[in-house]
Amino acid sequence: MTPRTLYTHGTSTNDAIANITVDGKLVHSGTFNGTRLFEFTTDVSKHGKVAIQIKMQQGSITVTHNRVTYPAIINGTVGFVNMPQPIDQPNLPFTVTDEITYDHYMFNGPKQWIISTNVTDNTVVIENFYSAISTGYIKPNWQYDYCPVDIENLSYVSLM
């Protein structure tokens, strides 16, 4: 498995307690600390959607954005790239006070990203995916069957 990790960020009330599942697997149970609400890992070749269920026991959370970490080759060395998930999500932000189930659509990205930079860390943080890809700062390294995507017209999260 070549893993990518999706991080869902937002805010929570001081008393917020929840159980969160992704495709039926528990990924968070309890209170929240900071802006990272939950995270989960999939193989980079997983495309399509995952079902996310948030069940509040008390309080509320507001989901504001997602970031994703992909494997990368940085200046010829194995590392990671962390960036906003490059799928437009027009339903964000949204607040959960009780229970919600929604489909989260995964970015059909590459197995890894190739990055040439003067950064010497093993993780590169990208704030603007569209700029990074259009300038060639990051380049996809496709190593499995894929369907090319139009970067400007990516899928989005559909709340149910």
N, C-alpha and C. Protein backbone atom coordinates (compact mmCIF):
# COMPACT_ATOMS: atom_id res chain seq x y z
N MET A 1 0.84 -1.18 0.00
CA MET A 1 0.00 0.00 0.00
C MET A 1 0.89 1.25 0.00
N THR A 2 0.55 2.18 -0.85
CA THR A 2 1.19 3.49 -0.84
C THR A 2 0.19 4.45 -0.21
N PRO A 3 0.42 4.86 1.05
CA PRO A 3 -0.61 5.61 1.77
C PRO A 3 -0.64 7.10 1.49
N ARG A 4 -1.86 7.63 1.54
CA ARG A 4 -2.08 9.07 1.60
C ARG A 4 -3.00 9.27 2.80
N THR A 5 -2.83 10.39 3.49
CA THR A 5 -3.63 10.66 4.68
C THR A 5 -4.40 11.95 4.48
N LEU A 6 -5.70 11.87 4.72
CA LEU A 6 -6.57 13.03 4.63
C LEU A 6 -6.83 13.54 6.04
N TYR A 7 -6.66 14.85 6.25
CA TYR A 7 -6.88 15.51 7.53
C TYR A 7 -8.06 16.46 7.39
N THR A 8 -9.07 16.29 8.23
CA THR A 8 -10.23 17.18 8.21
C THR A 8 -10.10 18.15 9.37
N HIS A 9 -10.16 19.44 9.05
CA HIS A 9 -9.95 20.50 10.03
C HIS A 9 -11.23 21.27 10.29
N GLY A 10 -11.25 21.94 11.42
CA GLY A 10 -12.39 22.79 11.77
C GLY A 10 -12.29 23.26 13.20
N THR A 11 -13.45 23.53 13.76
CA THR A 11 -13.52 23.99 15.15
C THR A 11 -14.52 23.12 15.90
N SER A 12 -14.40 23.16 17.21
CA SER A 12 -15.33 22.40 18.05
C SER A 12 -15.67 23.23 19.29
N THR A 13 -16.87 22.97 19.82
CA THR A 13 -17.22 23.59 21.09
C THR A 13 -16.41 22.90 22.18
N ASN A 14 -16.24 23.59 23.32
CA ASN A 14 -15.42 23.03 24.40
C ASN A 14 -15.92 21.69 24.90
N ASP A 15 -17.23 21.45 24.80
CA ASP A 15 -17.81 20.21 25.32
C ASP A 15 -18.02 19.15 24.25
N ALA A 16 -17.50 19.36 23.03
CA ALA A 16 -17.79 18.46 21.91
C ALA A 16 -17.19 17.07 22.13
N ILE A 17 -18.03 16.08 21.93
CA ILE A 17 -17.64 14.67 21.95
C ILE A 17 -18.34 14.00 20.78
N ALA A 18 -17.59 13.21 19.99
CA ALA A 18 -18.18 12.58 18.81
C ALA A 18 -17.52 11.25 18.50
N ASN A 19 -18.25 10.44 17.75
CA ASN A 19 -17.70 9.25 17.10
C ASN A 19 -17.75 9.52 15.61
N ILE A 20 -16.63 9.28 14.92
CA ILE A 20 -16.55 9.52 13.49
C ILE A 20 -16.04 8.26 12.82
N THR A 21 -16.78 7.81 11.78
CA THR A 21 -16.37 6.63 11.02
C THR A 21 -16.16 7.00 9.56
N VAL A 22 -15.25 6.27 8.92
CA VAL A 22 -15.00 6.39 7.50
C VAL A 22 -15.19 4.99 6.90
N ASP A 23 -16.15 4.86 6.03
CA ASP A 23 -16.52 3.55 5.47
C ASP A 23 -16.72 2.51 6.57
N GLY A 24 -17.37 2.94 7.66
CA GLY A 24 -17.69 2.04 8.76
C GLY A 24 -16.58 1.80 9.76
N LYS A 25 -15.39 2.32 9.51
CA LYS A 25 -14.25 2.14 10.41
C LYS A 25 -14.13 3.36 11.32
N LEU A 26 -14.08 3.12 12.63
CA LEU A 26 -13.97 4.21 13.60
C LEU A 26 -12.61 4.89 13.46
N VAL A 27 -12.60 6.21 13.22
CA VAL A 27 -11.35 6.97 13.09
C VAL A 27 -11.19 8.01 14.19
N HIS A 28 -12.29 8.31 14.91
CA HIS A 28 -12.21 9.26 16.04
C HIS A 28 -13.32 8.93 17.02
N SER A 29 -12.96 8.94 18.30
CA SER A 29 -13.95 8.76 19.36
C SER A 29 -13.52 9.61 20.55
N GLY A 30 -14.37 10.56 20.93
CA GLY A 30 -14.04 11.36 22.10
C GLY A 30 -14.06 12.84 21.82
N THR A 31 -13.23 13.55 22.57
CA THR A 31 -13.16 15.01 22.50
C THR A 31 -12.20 15.44 21.39
N PHE A 32 -12.08 16.75 21.21
CA PHE A 32 -11.23 17.30 20.17
C PHE A 32 -10.18 18.21 20.79
N ASN A 33 -9.00 18.23 20.17
CA ASN A 33 -7.90 19.05 20.66
C ASN A 33 -7.29 19.76 19.46
N GLY A 34 -7.48 21.06 19.36
CA GLY A 34 -6.94 21.79 18.22
C GLY A 34 -7.88 21.80 17.04
N THR A 35 -7.34 22.14 15.86
CA THR A 35 -8.19 22.30 14.68
C THR A 35 -8.30 21.03 13.83
N ARG A 36 -7.46 20.02 14.09
CA ARG A 36 -7.58 18.77 13.33
C ARG A 36 -8.66 17.93 13.99
N LEU A 37 -9.79 17.76 13.27
CA LEU A 37 -10.93 17.03 13.83
C LEU A 37 -10.76 15.52 13.71
N PHE A 38 -10.32 15.05 12.54
CA PHE A 38 -10.06 13.63 12.35
C PHE A 38 -9.20 13.43 11.13
N GLU A 39 -8.68 12.22 10.99
CA GLU A 39 -7.86 11.87 9.84
C GLU A 39 -8.06 10.41 9.51
N PHE A 40 -7.78 10.07 8.26
CA PHE A 40 -7.81 8.67 7.86
C PHE A 40 -6.84 8.47 6.71
N THR A 41 -6.42 7.22 6.53
CA THR A 41 -5.43 6.89 5.51
C THR A 41 -6.01 5.87 4.54
N THR A 42 -5.75 6.09 3.26
CA THR A 42 -6.14 5.15 2.21
C THR A 42 -4.94 4.94 1.30
N ASP A 43 -5.04 3.93 0.45
CA ASP A 43 -4.05 3.76 -0.60
C ASP A 43 -4.26 4.84 -1.65
N VAL A 44 -3.18 5.35 -2.22
CA VAL A 44 -3.30 6.43 -3.21
C VAL A 44 -4.10 6.01 -4.43
N SER A 45 -4.21 4.72 -4.69
CA SER A 45 -4.96 4.26 -5.86
C SER A 45 -6.46 4.17 -5.59
N LYS A 46 -6.90 4.42 -4.34
CA LYS A 46 -8.34 4.41 -4.05
C LYS A 46 -8.96 5.67 -4.64
N HIS A 47 -9.89 5.46 -5.54
CA HIS A 47 -10.59 6.57 -6.16
C HIS A 47 -12.06 6.50 -5.79
N GLY A 48 -12.79 7.50 -6.14
CA GLY A 48 -14.22 7.50 -5.84
C GLY A 48 -14.50 8.19 -4.53
N LYS A 49 -15.32 7.55 -3.72
CA LYS A 49 -15.77 8.21 -2.50
C LYS A 49 -15.65 7.30 -1.29
N VAL A 50 -15.65 7.94 -0.13
CA VAL A 50 -15.74 7.24 1.15
C VAL A 50 -16.93 7.83 1.90
N ALA A 51 -17.61 7.00 2.67
CA ALA A 51 -18.74 7.47 3.47
C ALA A 51 -18.24 7.90 4.84
N ILE A 52 -18.49 9.14 5.19
CA ILE A 52 -18.09 9.66 6.50
C ILE A 52 -19.34 9.89 7.32
N GLN A 53 -19.33 9.35 8.54
CA GLN A 53 -20.45 9.54 9.46
C GLN A 53 -19.92 10.20 10.73
N ILE A 54 -20.54 11.31 11.10
CA ILE A 54 -20.19 12.03 12.32
C ILE A 54 -21.41 11.97 13.24
N LYS A 55 -21.22 11.38 14.44
CA LYS A 55 -22.30 11.30 15.43
C LYS A 55 -21.85 12.06 16.67
N MET A 56 -22.48 13.20 16.90
CA MET A 56 -22.15 14.00 18.07
C MET A 56 -22.83 13.40 19.30
N GLN A 57 -22.08 13.25 20.39
CA GLN A 57 -22.67 12.84 21.66
C GLN A 57 -23.07 14.08 22.46
N GLN A 58 -22.28 15.14 22.29
CA GLN A 58 -22.62 16.44 22.85
C GLN A 58 -21.81 17.50 22.15
N GLY A 59 -22.26 18.76 22.26
CA GLY A 59 -21.56 19.87 21.62
C GLY A 59 -21.72 19.83 20.11
N SER A 60 -20.82 20.53 19.42
CA SER A 60 -20.87 20.57 17.95
C SER A 60 -19.48 20.78 17.39
N ILE A 61 -19.34 20.45 16.11
CA ILE A 61 -18.12 20.74 15.38
C ILE A 61 -18.49 21.44 14.08
N THR A 62 -17.58 22.24 13.57
CA THR A 62 -17.73 22.86 12.26
C THR A 62 -16.56 22.41 11.40
N VAL A 63 -16.86 21.73 10.31
CA VAL A 63 -15.84 21.27 9.37
C VAL A 63 -15.55 22.42 8.41
N THR A 64 -14.27 22.83 8.32
CA THR A 64 -13.92 23.99 7.50
C THR A 64 -13.10 23.65 6.26
N HIS A 65 -12.19 22.67 6.35
CA HIS A 65 -11.36 22.35 5.19
C HIS A 65 -10.65 21.02 5.38
N ASN A 66 -10.10 20.53 4.26
CA ASN A 66 -9.34 19.27 4.27
C ASN A 66 -7.95 19.51 3.71
N ARG A 67 -6.98 18.80 4.27
CA ARG A 67 -5.63 18.77 3.73
C ARG A 67 -5.28 17.31 3.53
N VAL A 68 -4.32 17.06 2.66
CA VAL A 68 -3.93 15.69 2.37
C VAL A 68 -2.41 15.60 2.28
N THR A 69 -1.87 14.50 2.76
CA THR A 69 -0.43 14.24 2.65
C THR A 69 -0.22 13.07 1.71
N TYR A 70 0.57 13.30 0.66
CA TYR A 70 0.90 12.29 -0.33
C TYR A 70 2.39 11.96 -0.25
N PRO A 71 2.76 10.75 -0.67
CA PRO A 71 4.18 10.45 -0.82
C PRO A 71 4.78 11.35 -1.90
N ALA A 72 6.06 11.67 -1.74
CA ALA A 72 6.73 12.53 -2.71
C ALA A 72 8.20 12.13 -2.82
N ILE A 73 8.77 12.48 -3.93
CA ILE A 73 10.22 12.41 -4.10
C ILE A 73 10.67 13.87 -4.13
N ILE A 74 11.38 14.28 -3.09
CA ILE A 74 11.82 15.67 -2.95
C ILE A 74 13.32 15.72 -3.19
N ASN A 75 13.70 16.35 -4.27
CA ASN A 75 15.13 16.44 -4.64
C ASN A 75 15.77 15.06 -4.66
N GLY A 76 15.03 14.06 -5.14
CA GLY A 76 15.57 12.70 -5.26
C GLY A 76 15.46 11.87 -4.00
N THR A 77 14.89 12.42 -2.92
CA THR A 77 14.79 11.72 -1.64
C THR A 77 13.33 11.48 -1.29
N VAL A 78 13.05 10.32 -0.70
CA VAL A 78 11.68 9.99 -0.30
C VAL A 78 11.20 10.96 0.76
N GLY A 79 9.99 11.48 0.59
CA GLY A 79 9.40 12.40 1.55
C GLY A 79 7.90 12.48 1.36
N PHE A 80 7.34 13.61 1.74
CA PHE A 80 5.89 13.81 1.67
C PHE A 80 5.58 15.23 1.23
N VAL A 81 4.39 15.40 0.64
CA VAL A 81 3.88 16.73 0.34
C VAL A 81 2.52 16.85 1.00
N ASN A 82 2.32 17.95 1.72
CA ASN A 82 1.05 18.23 2.38
C ASN A 82 0.44 19.43 1.69
N MET A 83 -0.84 19.30 1.29
CA MET A 83 -1.50 20.35 0.51
C MET A 83 -2.99 20.35 0.79
N PRO A 84 -3.67 21.44 0.43
CA PRO A 84 -5.12 21.40 0.50
C PRO A 84 -5.62 20.29 -0.43
N GLN A 85 -6.65 19.55 0.00
CA GLN A 85 -7.17 18.55 -0.91
C GLN A 85 -7.67 19.26 -2.15
N PRO A 86 -7.16 18.88 -3.33
CA PRO A 86 -7.47 19.66 -4.54
C PRO A 86 -8.82 19.35 -5.17
N ILE A 87 -9.84 19.20 -4.35
CA ILE A 87 -11.20 19.04 -4.84
C ILE A 87 -12.01 20.18 -4.27
N ASP A 88 -12.65 20.95 -5.14
CA ASP A 88 -13.49 22.05 -4.70
C ASP A 88 -14.64 21.49 -3.86
N GLN A 89 -14.81 22.04 -2.68
CA GLN A 89 -15.83 21.55 -1.76
C GLN A 89 -16.77 22.70 -1.39
N PRO A 90 -17.73 22.97 -2.25
CA PRO A 90 -18.58 24.16 -2.06
C PRO A 90 -19.47 24.10 -0.84
N ASN A 91 -19.63 22.94 -0.23
CA ASN A 91 -20.50 22.83 0.95
C ASN A 91 -19.79 23.19 2.25
N LEU A 92 -18.51 23.48 2.19
CA LEU A 92 -17.76 23.83 3.39
C LEU A 92 -17.83 25.33 3.61
N PRO A 93 -17.91 25.77 4.84
CA PRO A 93 -17.97 24.97 6.07
C PRO A 93 -19.39 24.48 6.36
N PHE A 94 -19.48 23.43 7.20
CA PHE A 94 -20.76 22.98 7.69
C PHE A 94 -20.62 22.58 9.16
N THR A 95 -21.70 22.72 9.90
CA THR A 95 -21.70 22.45 11.33
C THR A 95 -22.52 21.20 11.62
N VAL A 96 -22.01 20.37 12.53
CA VAL A 96 -22.70 19.15 12.94
C VAL A 96 -23.06 19.28 14.42
N THR A 97 -24.35 19.19 14.72
CA THR A 97 -24.82 19.26 16.11
C THR A 97 -25.42 17.93 16.56
N ASP A 98 -25.75 17.07 15.61
CA ASP A 98 -26.40 15.80 15.94
C ASP A 98 -25.69 14.67 15.19
N GLU A 99 -26.12 14.40 13.98
CA GLU A 99 -25.53 13.33 13.19
C GLU A 99 -25.62 13.69 11.72
N ILE A 100 -24.57 13.34 10.97
CA ILE A 100 -24.56 13.55 9.53
C ILE A 100 -23.75 12.43 8.89
N THR A 101 -24.21 11.99 7.73
CA THR A 101 -23.45 11.06 6.90
C THR A 101 -23.32 11.71 5.53
N TYR A 102 -22.11 11.73 5.01
CA TYR A 102 -21.89 12.33 3.69
C TYR A 102 -20.83 11.55 2.93
N ASP A 103 -20.86 11.68 1.63
CA ASP A 103 -19.84 11.07 0.77
C ASP A 103 -18.73 12.08 0.57
N HIS A 104 -17.53 11.65 0.87
CA HIS A 104 -16.36 12.49 0.63
C HIS A 104 -15.66 11.93 -0.60
N TYR A 105 -15.55 12.74 -1.64
CA TYR A 105 -14.93 12.29 -2.87
C TYR A 105 -13.42 12.47 -2.80
N MET A 106 -12.70 11.42 -3.17
CA MET A 106 -11.25 11.42 -3.10
C MET A 106 -10.66 12.00 -4.38
N PHE A 107 -9.58 12.74 -4.26
CA PHE A 107 -8.85 13.24 -5.41
C PHE A 107 -8.15 12.07 -6.08
N ASN A 108 -8.36 11.88 -7.37
CA ASN A 108 -7.73 10.79 -8.11
C ASN A 108 -6.31 11.20 -8.47
N GLY A 109 -5.47 11.27 -7.45
CA GLY A 109 -4.11 11.75 -7.63
C GLY A 109 -3.14 10.66 -8.00
N PRO A 110 -1.88 11.01 -8.12
CA PRO A 110 -0.85 10.06 -8.53
C PRO A 110 -0.35 9.23 -7.35
N LYS A 111 0.51 8.27 -7.65
CA LYS A 111 1.11 7.45 -6.59
C LYS A 111 2.05 8.31 -5.73
N GLN A 112 2.72 9.25 -6.36
CA GLN A 112 3.59 10.16 -5.63
C GLN A 112 3.78 11.43 -6.46
N TRP A 113 4.32 12.44 -5.81
CA TRP A 113 4.60 13.72 -6.46
C TRP A 113 6.11 13.88 -6.55
N ILE A 114 6.59 14.46 -7.63
CA ILE A 114 8.01 14.75 -7.82
C ILE A 114 8.19 16.25 -7.59
N ILE A 115 9.10 16.60 -6.68
CA ILE A 115 9.29 17.99 -6.30
C ILE A 115 10.78 18.34 -6.34
N SER A 116 11.09 19.42 -7.01
CA SER A 116 12.45 19.98 -7.00
C SER A 116 12.36 21.32 -6.29
N THR A 117 13.11 21.46 -5.21
CA THR A 117 13.01 22.67 -4.40
C THR A 117 14.30 22.90 -3.63
N ASN A 118 14.43 24.08 -3.06
CA ASN A 118 15.56 24.35 -2.19
C ASN A 118 15.23 24.02 -0.74
N VAL A 119 14.00 23.54 -0.49
CA VAL A 119 13.60 23.12 0.86
C VAL A 119 14.33 21.83 1.19
N THR A 120 14.90 21.75 2.39
CA THR A 120 15.66 20.57 2.76
C THR A 120 14.90 19.61 3.68
N ASP A 121 13.68 19.95 4.06
CA ASP A 121 12.88 19.06 4.91
C ASP A 121 12.39 17.88 4.09
N ASN A 122 11.95 16.81 4.81
CA ASN A 122 11.40 15.66 4.10
C ASN A 122 9.90 15.81 3.86
N THR A 123 9.32 16.94 4.30
CA THR A 123 7.93 17.25 4.01
C THR A 123 7.84 18.67 3.45
N VAL A 124 7.19 18.78 2.31
CA VAL A 124 6.97 20.08 1.69
C VAL A 124 5.50 20.43 1.88
N VAL A 125 5.23 21.66 2.31
CA VAL A 125 3.86 22.12 2.52
C VAL A 125 3.49 23.05 1.36
N ILE A 126 2.40 22.72 0.70
CA ILE A 126 1.88 23.50 -0.42
C ILE A 126 0.61 24.20 0.06
N GLU A 127 0.50 25.49 -0.16
CA GLU A 127 -0.72 26.21 0.21
C GLU A 127 -1.66 26.40 -0.97
N ASN A 128 -1.12 26.45 -2.20
CA ASN A 128 -1.95 26.67 -3.38
C ASN A 128 -1.65 25.58 -4.40
N PHE A 129 -2.48 24.54 -4.40
CA PHE A 129 -2.27 23.39 -5.27
C PHE A 129 -2.25 23.80 -6.74
N TYR A 130 -3.21 24.62 -7.16
CA TYR A 130 -3.32 24.99 -8.57
C TYR A 130 -2.07 25.72 -9.05
N SER A 131 -1.56 26.61 -8.25
CA SER A 131 -0.34 27.33 -8.61
C SER A 131 0.85 26.37 -8.67
N ALA A 132 0.95 25.49 -7.68
CA ALA A 132 2.09 24.56 -7.62
C ALA A 132 2.11 23.62 -8.83
N ILE A 133 0.95 23.16 -9.24
CA ILE A 133 0.92 22.23 -10.38
C ILE A 133 1.07 22.96 -11.71
N SER A 134 0.48 24.15 -11.82
CA SER A 134 0.55 24.87 -13.10
C SER A 134 1.95 25.42 -13.36
N THR A 135 2.71 25.71 -12.32
CA THR A 135 4.08 26.20 -12.50
C THR A 135 5.10 25.08 -12.59
N GLY A 136 4.66 23.83 -12.36
CA GLY A 136 5.58 22.70 -12.42
C GLY A 136 6.37 22.49 -11.14
N TYR A 137 6.02 23.22 -10.07
CA TYR A 137 6.71 23.04 -8.79
C TYR A 137 6.53 21.61 -8.29
N ILE A 138 5.32 21.07 -8.46
CA ILE A 138 5.09 19.66 -8.17
C ILE A 138 4.61 19.00 -9.45
N LYS A 139 5.03 17.74 -9.67
CA LYS A 139 4.65 17.00 -10.86
C LYS A 139 4.15 15.63 -10.44
N PRO A 140 3.05 15.17 -11.06
CA PRO A 140 2.54 13.85 -10.71
C PRO A 140 3.41 12.74 -11.28
N ASN A 141 3.52 11.63 -10.54
CA ASN A 141 4.21 10.43 -10.99
C ASN A 141 3.18 9.32 -11.00
N TRP A 142 2.48 9.13 -12.14
CA TRP A 142 1.41 8.13 -12.26
C TRP A 142 2.05 6.76 -12.36
N GLN A 143 1.67 5.82 -11.47
CA GLN A 143 2.22 4.47 -11.50
C GLN A 143 1.14 3.41 -11.40
N TYR A 144 -0.07 3.76 -11.79
CA TYR A 144 -1.17 2.81 -11.83
C TYR A 144 -2.18 3.32 -12.86
N ASP A 145 -3.14 2.50 -13.21
CA ASP A 145 -4.16 2.94 -14.16
C ASP A 145 -4.93 4.10 -13.56
N TYR A 146 -5.14 5.10 -14.34
CA TYR A 146 -5.85 6.28 -13.85
C TYR A 146 -6.64 6.90 -14.99
N CYS A 147 -7.53 7.75 -14.61
CA CYS A 147 -8.29 8.53 -15.58
C CYS A 147 -7.85 9.97 -15.42
N PRO A 148 -7.22 10.57 -16.44
CA PRO A 148 -6.76 11.96 -16.29
C PRO A 148 -7.92 12.87 -15.87
N VAL A 149 -7.60 13.85 -15.05
CA VAL A 149 -8.61 14.77 -14.56
C VAL A 149 -8.33 16.17 -15.08
N ASP A 150 -9.37 16.94 -15.19
CA ASP A 150 -9.26 18.35 -15.52
C ASP A 150 -9.10 19.09 -14.20
N ILE A 151 -7.93 19.60 -13.91
CA ILE A 151 -7.62 20.21 -12.63
C ILE A 151 -8.61 21.32 -12.27
N GLU A 152 -9.09 22.03 -13.26
CA GLU A 152 -10.00 23.15 -12.99
C GLU A 152 -11.43 22.71 -12.67
N ASN A 153 -11.77 21.45 -12.95
CA ASN A 153 -13.16 21.00 -12.77
C ASN A 153 -13.23 19.69 -11.99
N LEU A 154 -12.59 19.66 -10.83
CA LEU A 154 -12.58 18.46 -10.01
C LEU A 154 -13.92 18.27 -9.32
N SER A 155 -14.18 17.03 -8.91
CA SER A 155 -15.42 16.71 -8.19
C SER A 155 -15.45 17.41 -6.86
N TYR A 156 -16.59 17.33 -6.17
CA TYR A 156 -16.71 18.00 -4.90
C TYR A 156 -17.48 17.13 -3.91
N VAL A 157 -17.42 17.51 -2.64
CA VAL A 157 -18.12 16.80 -1.58
C VAL A 157 -19.61 17.02 -1.75
N SER A 158 -20.37 15.97 -1.59
CA SER A 158 -21.82 16.07 -1.68
C SER A 158 -22.41 15.72 -0.32
N LEU A 159 -23.00 16.67 0.37
CA LEU A 159 -23.60 16.40 1.67
C LEU A 159 -24.99 15.81 1.45
N MET A 160 -25.32 14.85 2.27
CA MET A 160 -26.64 14.23 2.18
C MET A 160 -27.50 14.71 3.33
